[in-house]
N, C-alpha and C. Protein backbone atom coordinates (compact mmCIF):
# COMPACT_ATOMS: atom_id res chain seq x y z
N MET A 1 22.13 -14.96 1.01
CA MET A 1 21.41 -14.41 1.90
C MET A 1 21.91 -12.85 2.42
N ASP A 2 20.96 -11.91 1.81
CA ASP A 2 21.41 -10.47 1.76
C ASP A 2 21.55 -10.14 3.59
N ASP A 3 22.44 -9.12 3.69
CA ASP A 3 22.58 -8.64 5.06
C ASP A 3 21.49 -8.41 5.57
N ASP A 4 20.55 -7.34 5.36
CA ASP A 4 19.23 -7.38 5.77
C ASP A 4 18.37 -8.20 6.43
N PHE A 5 18.52 -9.36 5.35
CA PHE A 5 17.36 -10.53 5.74
C PHE A 5 18.37 -11.33 6.76
N ALA A 6 19.46 -11.43 6.62
CA ALA A 6 20.29 -12.12 7.81
C ALA A 6 20.18 -11.51 8.87
N ARG A 7 20.48 -9.99 9.06
CA ARG A 7 19.95 -9.21 10.30
C ARG A 7 18.85 -9.46 10.77
N LEU A 8 17.91 -9.82 10.19
CA LEU A 8 16.37 -9.78 10.55
C LEU A 8 16.15 -11.13 11.39
N LEU A 9 16.72 -12.06 10.71
CA LEU A 9 16.73 -13.58 10.83
C LEU A 9 17.28 -13.98 12.26
N GLY A 10 18.61 -13.60 12.26
CA GLY A 10 19.60 -13.63 13.09
C GLY A 10 20.20 -12.70 14.40
N ASP A 11 20.18 -11.70 13.96
CA ASP A 11 21.02 -10.85 14.52
C ASP A 11 19.65 -9.83 15.00
N ARG A 12 19.10 -10.09 16.26
CA ARG A 12 17.70 -9.17 16.64
C ARG A 12 18.41 -8.38 17.88
N PRO A 13 18.09 -7.35 18.07
CA PRO A 13 18.60 -6.40 19.01
C PRO A 13 17.46 -7.08 20.36
N THR A 14 18.45 -7.12 21.55
CA THR A 14 18.05 -7.66 22.77
C THR A 14 16.54 -6.92 23.22
N LEU A 15 16.39 -5.99 22.83
CA LEU A 15 15.09 -5.57 23.51
C LEU A 15 13.84 -6.02 22.51
N VAL A 16 13.88 -6.89 21.49
CA VAL A 16 13.08 -7.46 20.83
C VAL A 16 12.23 -8.78 21.71
N GLU A 17 13.20 -9.10 22.66
CA GLU A 17 12.37 -10.23 23.63
C GLU A 17 11.02 -9.47 24.48
N ARG A 18 10.99 -8.44 24.20
CA ARG A 18 9.89 -7.47 25.16
C ARG A 18 8.76 -7.89 24.09
N ALA A 19 8.73 -7.78 22.85
CA ALA A 19 8.09 -7.69 21.88
C ALA A 19 8.21 -8.41 20.58
N PRO A 20 8.30 -9.98 20.80
CA PRO A 20 8.75 -10.63 19.81
C PRO A 20 7.81 -10.87 18.50
N LEU A 21 6.18 -10.91 19.15
CA LEU A 21 5.35 -10.65 18.32
C LEU A 21 5.11 -9.61 17.31
N GLY A 22 5.17 -8.26 18.03
CA GLY A 22 5.15 -6.92 17.20
C GLY A 22 6.56 -6.77 16.24
N PHE A 23 7.87 -7.36 17.04
CA PHE A 23 8.95 -7.36 15.76
C PHE A 23 8.84 -8.36 14.69
N ALA A 24 8.23 -9.37 15.20
CA ALA A 24 8.14 -10.24 13.90
C ALA A 24 6.93 -9.64 12.86
N LEU A 25 6.13 -9.27 13.37
CA LEU A 25 4.95 -8.40 12.31
C LEU A 25 5.57 -7.41 11.40
N LEU A 26 6.34 -6.46 12.10
CA LEU A 26 7.03 -5.32 11.61
C LEU A 26 8.44 -5.96 10.24
N ALA A 27 8.92 -6.86 11.07
CA ALA A 27 10.13 -7.72 9.98
C ALA A 27 9.17 -8.22 8.64
N LEU A 28 7.80 -9.07 9.10
CA LEU A 28 7.30 -9.29 7.78
C LEU A 28 7.04 -8.42 7.26
N SER A 29 6.22 -6.89 7.40
CA SER A 29 5.89 -5.97 7.14
C SER A 29 6.56 -5.29 5.99
N ARG A 30 7.85 -5.02 6.56
CA ARG A 30 8.98 -4.47 5.77
C ARG A 30 9.38 -5.29 4.86
N THR A 31 9.38 -6.50 4.80
CA THR A 31 9.98 -7.71 3.75
C THR A 31 8.90 -7.93 2.79
N LEU A 32 7.74 -7.61 3.11
CA LEU A 32 6.37 -7.70 2.05
C LEU A 32 6.57 -6.31 1.42
N HIS A 33 6.86 -5.26 2.00
CA HIS A 33 6.67 -3.85 1.62
C HIS A 33 7.95 -3.82 0.39
N GLY A 34 9.36 -4.28 0.98
CA GLY A 34 10.19 -4.36 0.02
C GLY A 34 10.26 -5.19 -1.32
N LEU A 35 9.42 -6.20 -1.14
CA LEU A 35 9.13 -7.09 -2.40
C LEU A 35 8.11 -6.58 -3.24
N THR A 36 6.99 -5.51 -2.78
CA THR A 36 5.88 -4.99 -3.40
C THR A 36 6.64 -3.98 -4.16
N ALA A 37 7.42 -3.03 -3.16
CA ALA A 37 8.21 -2.15 -4.00
C ALA A 37 8.93 -2.31 -5.22
N GLU A 38 9.45 -3.56 -5.18
CA GLU A 38 10.31 -4.22 -6.00
C GLU A 38 9.48 -4.35 -7.17
N LEU A 39 8.19 -5.13 -7.14
CA LEU A 39 6.99 -5.54 -8.26
C LEU A 39 6.88 -4.28 -8.74
N LEU A 40 6.44 -2.96 -8.12
CA LEU A 40 6.11 -1.87 -8.43
C LEU A 40 7.08 -0.87 -9.59
N LEU A 41 7.82 -0.82 -8.97
CA LEU A 41 9.34 -0.14 -9.72
C LEU A 41 9.09 -0.78 -11.20
N GLU A 42 9.13 -2.13 -11.30
CA GLU A 42 9.23 -2.71 -12.21
C GLU A 42 8.09 -2.22 -13.75
N LEU A 43 6.80 -1.56 -13.15
CA LEU A 43 5.73 -0.84 -13.88
C LEU A 43 5.92 0.50 -13.68
N GLY A 44 6.98 1.00 -13.36
CA GLY A 44 7.26 2.59 -12.96
C GLY A 44 6.66 3.21 -11.86
N LEU A 45 6.08 2.47 -10.91
CA LEU A 45 5.11 3.03 -9.82
C LEU A 45 6.07 2.86 -8.66
N TYR A 46 6.11 3.95 -7.96
CA TYR A 46 6.46 3.82 -6.23
C TYR A 46 5.55 3.25 -5.40
N PRO A 47 5.71 2.83 -4.35
CA PRO A 47 4.63 2.05 -3.21
C PRO A 47 3.68 3.36 -2.99
N GLY A 48 2.58 2.99 -2.60
CA GLY A 48 1.77 4.01 -2.09
C GLY A 48 0.63 4.78 -3.60
N GLN A 49 1.53 4.51 -4.88
CA GLN A 49 0.74 5.26 -6.13
C GLN A 49 -0.12 4.14 -6.90
N GLU A 50 0.10 2.61 -6.16
CA GLU A 50 -0.84 1.53 -6.54
C GLU A 50 -2.14 1.60 -5.84
N LEU A 51 -2.06 2.46 -4.44
CA LEU A 51 -3.26 2.63 -3.93
C LEU A 51 -4.39 3.81 -4.32
N ILE A 52 -3.55 4.62 -4.99
CA ILE A 52 -4.38 5.53 -5.90
C ILE A 52 -4.90 5.16 -7.15
N LEU A 53 -4.28 4.32 -7.70
CA LEU A 53 -4.55 3.76 -8.66
C LEU A 53 -6.05 2.90 -8.57
N MET A 54 -5.94 1.91 -7.64
CA MET A 54 -6.77 1.03 -7.62
C MET A 54 -7.93 1.43 -7.13
N ARG A 55 -8.05 2.74 -5.83
CA ARG A 55 -8.92 3.46 -5.68
C ARG A 55 -9.66 4.01 -7.23
N LEU A 56 -8.93 4.71 -8.15
CA LEU A 56 -9.77 5.23 -8.93
C LEU A 56 -9.97 4.07 -9.87
N PHE A 57 -9.49 2.93 -9.86
CA PHE A 57 -9.94 1.84 -10.91
C PHE A 57 -11.60 1.43 -10.22
N ASP A 58 -11.59 1.62 -8.91
CA ASP A 58 -13.12 1.30 -8.44
C ASP A 58 -14.01 2.57 -8.87
N ARG A 59 -13.44 3.61 -8.86
CA ARG A 59 -14.45 4.97 -8.95
C ARG A 59 -13.55 5.96 -9.47
N ASP A 60 -13.66 6.34 -10.77
CA ASP A 60 -12.79 7.23 -11.16
C ASP A 60 -13.31 8.88 -11.30
N GLU A 61 -12.47 9.25 -11.08
CA GLU A 61 -13.15 10.86 -11.03
C GLU A 61 -13.58 11.15 -9.65
N GLN A 62 -12.39 11.30 -8.82
CA GLN A 62 -12.56 11.58 -7.30
C GLN A 62 -11.93 12.78 -6.63
N SER A 63 -12.29 13.44 -6.04
CA SER A 63 -11.51 14.54 -5.13
C SER A 63 -10.27 13.90 -4.96
N GLN A 64 -9.40 15.10 -5.05
CA GLN A 64 -8.08 14.68 -4.65
C GLN A 64 -7.85 14.24 -2.96
N THR A 65 -8.93 15.21 -2.10
CA THR A 65 -9.41 15.10 -0.76
C THR A 65 -9.78 13.88 -0.56
N SER A 66 -10.95 13.18 -1.28
CA SER A 66 -11.36 11.69 -0.83
C SER A 66 -10.28 10.90 -1.31
N LEU A 67 -9.55 10.99 -2.06
CA LEU A 67 -8.80 9.71 -2.02
C LEU A 67 -7.56 9.87 -1.11
N GLN A 68 -7.20 10.99 -1.01
CA GLN A 68 -6.29 11.11 0.30
C GLN A 68 -6.83 10.62 1.83
N GLN A 69 -8.25 10.51 2.04
CA GLN A 69 -9.07 9.92 3.21
C GLN A 69 -9.02 8.64 2.79
N SER A 70 -9.36 8.57 1.42
CA SER A 70 -9.55 6.58 1.79
C SER A 70 -8.30 5.83 1.84
N ILE A 71 -6.98 6.50 1.07
CA ILE A 71 -5.65 5.96 1.44
C ILE A 71 -5.21 5.75 3.20
N GLY A 72 -5.82 7.12 3.42
CA GLY A 72 -5.12 6.86 4.95
C GLY A 72 -3.59 7.54 4.82
N LEU A 73 -3.02 8.18 3.91
CA LEU A 73 -1.73 8.86 3.95
C LEU A 73 -2.11 10.07 4.08
N ASP A 74 -1.02 11.29 4.14
CA ASP A 74 -1.22 12.66 4.92
C ASP A 74 -1.15 13.32 3.15
N HIS A 75 -1.70 14.55 3.15
CA HIS A 75 -2.31 14.99 2.72
C HIS A 75 -1.09 15.40 1.30
N SER A 76 0.27 15.77 1.79
CA SER A 76 1.51 15.95 1.46
C SER A 76 1.65 14.80 0.46
N THR A 77 1.91 13.81 0.93
CA THR A 77 2.35 12.57 0.16
C THR A 77 1.40 12.47 -0.80
N VAL A 78 0.33 12.23 -0.72
CA VAL A 78 -0.90 12.04 -1.78
C VAL A 78 -0.64 13.09 -2.85
N SER A 79 -0.52 14.41 -2.55
CA SER A 79 -0.28 15.43 -3.58
C SER A 79 0.84 15.07 -4.10
N ARG A 80 1.67 14.99 -3.65
CA ARG A 80 3.23 14.69 -4.39
C ARG A 80 2.89 13.60 -5.39
N SER A 81 2.31 12.69 -4.88
CA SER A 81 2.16 10.94 -5.75
C SER A 81 1.61 11.66 -6.78
N ILE A 82 0.27 12.39 -6.69
CA ILE A 82 -0.41 12.42 -7.50
C ILE A 82 0.07 13.33 -8.61
N ARG A 83 0.99 14.44 -8.38
CA ARG A 83 1.46 15.26 -9.58
C ARG A 83 2.70 14.48 -9.90
N ARG A 84 3.42 13.55 -9.28
CA ARG A 84 4.08 12.59 -10.30
C ARG A 84 3.50 11.56 -11.31
N MET A 85 2.09 11.21 -10.66
CA MET A 85 1.44 10.20 -11.30
C MET A 85 0.93 11.21 -12.59
N GLU A 86 0.73 12.32 -12.28
CA GLU A 86 0.58 13.32 -13.72
C GLU A 86 1.53 13.45 -14.72
N GLU A 87 2.46 13.89 -14.34
CA GLU A 87 3.50 13.87 -14.80
C GLU A 87 3.92 12.58 -15.75
N ALA A 88 3.50 11.43 -15.08
CA ALA A 88 3.81 10.58 -16.02
C ALA A 88 2.77 10.05 -16.88
N GLY A 89 1.55 10.74 -17.10
CA GLY A 89 0.77 10.56 -17.59
C GLY A 89 -0.48 9.32 -17.69
N LEU A 90 -0.37 9.27 -15.95
CA LEU A 90 -1.24 8.38 -15.76
C LEU A 90 -2.62 8.88 -15.06
N LEU A 91 -2.43 10.10 -14.55
CA LEU A 91 -3.68 10.60 -14.30
C LEU A 91 -3.71 12.15 -14.50
N ALA A 92 -5.02 12.61 -14.56
CA ALA A 92 -4.85 14.03 -14.91
C ALA A 92 -6.07 14.52 -13.83
N ARG A 93 -5.78 15.68 -13.95
CA ARG A 93 -6.20 16.56 -12.66
C ARG A 93 -6.88 17.66 -13.25
N ARG A 94 -8.40 18.30 -12.67
CA ARG A 94 -8.91 19.44 -13.21
C ARG A 94 -9.88 19.76 -11.75
N PRO A 95 -9.66 21.31 -11.97
CA PRO A 95 -10.76 21.98 -10.73
C PRO A 95 -12.06 21.59 -10.92
N ASP A 96 -12.88 21.40 -9.70
CA ASP A 96 -14.19 20.86 -9.34
C ASP A 96 -14.90 21.75 -9.93
N PRO A 97 -16.05 21.67 -10.88
CA PRO A 97 -16.90 22.87 -11.25
C PRO A 97 -17.72 23.11 -10.45
N ARG A 98 -18.11 22.10 -9.11
CA ARG A 98 -18.66 22.80 -7.76
C ARG A 98 -17.79 23.58 -6.91
N ASP A 99 -16.21 23.44 -6.63
CA ASP A 99 -15.77 23.88 -6.04
C ASP A 99 -14.37 24.11 -6.50
N ARG A 100 -13.99 25.36 -6.84
CA ARG A 100 -13.07 25.52 -7.79
C ARG A 100 -11.67 25.26 -6.96
N ARG A 101 -11.76 25.38 -5.50
CA ARG A 101 -10.43 25.08 -4.89
C ARG A 101 -10.22 23.94 -5.08
N ALA A 102 -11.10 22.60 -4.90
CA ALA A 102 -10.87 21.35 -5.24
C ALA A 102 -10.14 21.08 -6.41
N MET A 103 -9.91 19.66 -6.44
CA MET A 103 -9.02 18.84 -7.37
C MET A 103 -9.85 17.65 -7.88
N VAL A 104 -10.47 17.56 -9.07
CA VAL A 104 -10.78 15.93 -9.30
C VAL A 104 -9.37 15.40 -10.16
N VAL A 105 -9.45 14.06 -9.57
CA VAL A 105 -8.50 13.55 -10.49
C VAL A 105 -9.00 11.98 -10.83
N SER A 106 -8.50 11.71 -12.27
CA SER A 106 -9.05 10.63 -12.94
C SER A 106 -8.13 10.03 -13.71
N LEU A 107 -8.38 8.70 -14.15
CA LEU A 107 -7.35 7.99 -15.19
C LEU A 107 -7.41 8.40 -16.25
N THR A 108 -6.06 8.46 -16.89
CA THR A 108 -5.79 8.08 -18.27
C THR A 108 -5.82 6.86 -18.95
N GLU A 109 -5.77 7.03 -20.12
CA GLU A 109 -5.78 5.80 -20.93
C GLU A 109 -4.73 4.98 -20.26
N ALA A 110 -3.13 5.83 -20.09
CA ALA A 110 -2.18 4.88 -19.44
C ALA A 110 -2.57 4.10 -18.28
N GLY A 111 -3.05 5.19 -17.55
CA GLY A 111 -3.70 4.32 -15.86
C GLY A 111 -4.40 3.42 -16.06
N HIS A 112 -5.53 3.43 -16.88
CA HIS A 112 -6.26 2.54 -17.10
C HIS A 112 -5.42 1.29 -17.42
N ALA A 113 -4.61 1.24 -18.43
CA ALA A 113 -3.73 0.13 -19.04
C ALA A 113 -3.14 -0.62 -17.93
N LEU A 114 -2.78 0.24 -16.72
CA LEU A 114 -2.14 -0.40 -15.69
C LEU A 114 -2.88 -1.41 -14.54
N ARG A 115 -4.13 -1.41 -15.01
CA ARG A 115 -4.91 -2.50 -13.92
C ARG A 115 -4.60 -3.82 -14.03
N PRO A 116 -4.47 -4.59 -15.18
CA PRO A 116 -4.21 -5.85 -15.36
C PRO A 116 -2.73 -6.12 -14.75
N ARG A 117 -1.83 -5.11 -14.97
CA ARG A 117 -0.44 -5.45 -14.30
C ARG A 117 -0.44 -5.17 -13.06
N ILE A 118 -1.35 -4.34 -12.39
CA ILE A 118 -0.96 -4.13 -10.80
C ILE A 118 -1.80 -5.27 -10.26
N ALA A 119 -2.92 -5.70 -10.95
CA ALA A 119 -3.51 -7.02 -10.19
C ALA A 119 -2.59 -8.51 -10.39
N GLN A 120 -1.93 -7.97 -11.34
CA GLN A 120 -0.81 -9.35 -11.41
C GLN A 120 -0.08 -9.54 -10.28
N VAL A 121 0.64 -8.25 -10.00
CA VAL A 121 1.59 -7.91 -8.89
C VAL A 121 1.28 -8.44 -7.35
N TRP A 122 -0.32 -8.21 -7.41
CA TRP A 122 -1.11 -8.29 -6.27
C TRP A 122 -1.08 -10.20 -5.88
N GLU A 123 -1.37 -10.64 -7.12
CA GLU A 123 -1.28 -12.20 -7.23
C GLU A 123 0.02 -12.65 -7.12
N VAL A 124 1.14 -12.58 -7.40
CA VAL A 124 2.49 -12.72 -7.19
C VAL A 124 2.16 -12.71 -5.80
N LEU A 125 2.31 -11.58 -5.23
CA LEU A 125 2.47 -11.36 -3.43
C LEU A 125 1.80 -12.56 -3.03
N GLU A 126 0.33 -12.91 -3.27
CA GLU A 126 -0.77 -13.77 -2.86
C GLU A 126 0.19 -15.02 -2.63
N ASN A 127 0.56 -15.53 -4.10
CA ASN A 127 0.90 -16.44 -4.40
C ASN A 127 1.98 -17.05 -3.29
N HIS A 128 3.01 -16.06 -3.25
CA HIS A 128 4.37 -16.19 -2.16
C HIS A 128 3.66 -16.60 -0.81
N LEU A 129 2.68 -15.98 -0.44
CA LEU A 129 2.13 -16.00 0.91
C LEU A 129 1.12 -17.40 0.94
N ASP A 130 0.65 -17.86 -0.12
CA ASP A 130 -0.17 -18.93 -0.13
C ASP A 130 0.86 -19.99 0.04
N GLU A 131 2.36 -20.05 -0.52
CA GLU A 131 3.33 -21.12 -0.40
C GLU A 131 3.92 -21.28 0.96
N ALA A 132 3.85 -19.91 1.69
CA ALA A 132 4.52 -20.28 3.01
C ALA A 132 3.25 -20.84 4.11
N LEU A 133 1.97 -20.83 3.71
CA LEU A 133 0.94 -21.16 4.80
C LEU A 133 0.10 -22.44 4.05
N GLY A 134 -0.46 -23.27 5.08
CA GLY A 134 -1.20 -24.03 4.47
C GLY A 134 -2.60 -23.71 4.53
N PRO A 135 -3.98 -23.88 4.01
CA PRO A 135 -4.87 -23.73 3.99
C PRO A 135 -5.76 -23.48 4.93
N ASP A 136 -5.06 -23.82 5.87
CA ASP A 136 -5.92 -23.90 7.56
C ASP A 136 -5.67 -22.54 7.99
N ASP A 137 -4.22 -22.57 7.99
CA ASP A 137 -3.50 -21.53 8.63
C ASP A 137 -4.02 -20.12 7.64
N ARG A 138 -3.79 -20.22 6.36
CA ARG A 138 -4.44 -18.91 5.85
C ARG A 138 -5.91 -18.58 6.25
N LEU A 139 -6.92 -19.61 6.30
CA LEU A 139 -8.00 -19.00 6.78
C LEU A 139 -8.21 -18.67 8.28
N LYS A 140 -7.10 -18.90 8.99
CA LYS A 140 -7.67 -18.18 10.31
C LYS A 140 -6.28 -17.22 10.39
N LEU A 141 -5.18 -17.18 9.47
CA LEU A 141 -4.49 -15.79 9.60
C LEU A 141 -5.06 -14.56 9.07
N VAL A 142 -5.95 -14.77 7.88
CA VAL A 142 -6.51 -13.26 7.40
C VAL A 142 -7.19 -12.65 8.14
N PRO A 143 -8.18 -12.95 9.11
CA PRO A 143 -9.15 -12.69 10.38
C PRO A 143 -8.27 -11.88 11.41
N LEU A 144 -7.07 -13.07 11.95
CA LEU A 144 -6.37 -12.35 13.05
C LEU A 144 -5.72 -11.23 12.45
N VAL A 145 -4.99 -11.16 11.05
CA VAL A 145 -4.21 -9.89 11.07
C VAL A 145 -5.35 -8.42 10.75
N GLU A 146 -6.25 -8.87 10.42
CA GLU A 146 -7.31 -8.03 9.78
C GLU A 146 -7.83 -7.28 11.29
N GLY A 147 -7.64 -8.04 12.36
CA GLY A 147 -8.32 -7.67 13.75
C GLY A 147 -7.12 -6.88 14.21
N LEU A 148 -5.88 -7.70 14.20
CA LEU A 148 -4.65 -6.41 14.74
C LEU A 148 -4.47 -5.28 13.99
N GLU A 149 -5.19 -5.20 12.68
CA GLU A 149 -4.76 -3.67 11.87
C GLU A 149 -5.66 -2.90 12.79
N ARG A 150 -7.03 -3.51 12.60
CA ARG A 150 -7.98 -2.31 13.13
C ARG A 150 -7.78 -2.17 15.03
N SER A 151 -6.83 -2.72 15.76
CA SER A 151 -6.80 -2.82 17.00
C SER A 151 -5.44 -1.77 16.76
N ILE A 152 -4.65 -1.66 16.33
CA ILE A 152 -3.66 -1.07 15.94
C ILE A 152 -3.98 0.52 15.41
N ALA A 153 -4.97 0.45 14.55
CA ALA A 153 -5.35 1.90 13.97
C ALA A 153 -6.28 2.36 15.14
N THR A 154 -7.16 1.93 15.94
CA THR A 154 -7.90 2.04 16.90
C THR A 154 -6.77 3.33 18.09
N VAL A 155 -5.89 2.20 18.27
CA VAL A 155 -4.84 2.92 18.89
C VAL A 155 -4.35 4.07 18.68
N ARG A 156 -3.91 4.05 17.20
CA ARG A 156 -3.52 5.71 16.39
C ARG A 156 -4.33 6.47 16.67
N VAL A 157 -5.77 6.32 16.23
CA VAL A 157 -6.83 7.15 16.45
C VAL A 157 -6.68 8.07 17.62
N ARG A 158 -6.78 7.28 18.44
CA ARG A 158 -6.87 7.63 20.52
C ARG A 158 -5.65 8.52 20.29
N ARG A 159 -4.57 7.96 19.87
CA ARG A 159 -3.46 9.10 20.17
C ARG A 159 -3.33 10.28 19.85
N GLY A 160 -4.12 10.32 18.57
CA GLY A 160 -4.46 11.39 17.98
C GLY A 160 -3.78 12.22 16.85
């Protein structure tokens, strides 16, 4: 068992007693993020880049601004990711003919080729989660987690 995992399971800060649910969800999120990052790095991607690709798989040739808004990350993070993905040959950017200040982002052939491999990453993650849950737990957990996410997102919006 690695030190990070042992720390999360056994050596919890005493303040966690005030927020056991929040800490448990944060620990799960970090662990899931770590596994996702490992799987994506095998594809030459960094976390977050798969979100850009998935948005473009659904609708290619989007403005950089619409991608940024749909993903919910800040402008500089998305710009940096798109630039790196363009340098890696996964995306292409060109000025929007209607607004030369805006950039249109599209998939290259290499970007399109990642679709089945990214789908496989999500399937692997889903299979690991399914192994930990029974079918009844899964049916209950998905709407509960979605509701929690919406609730926390609302708090973030209100905080401005």
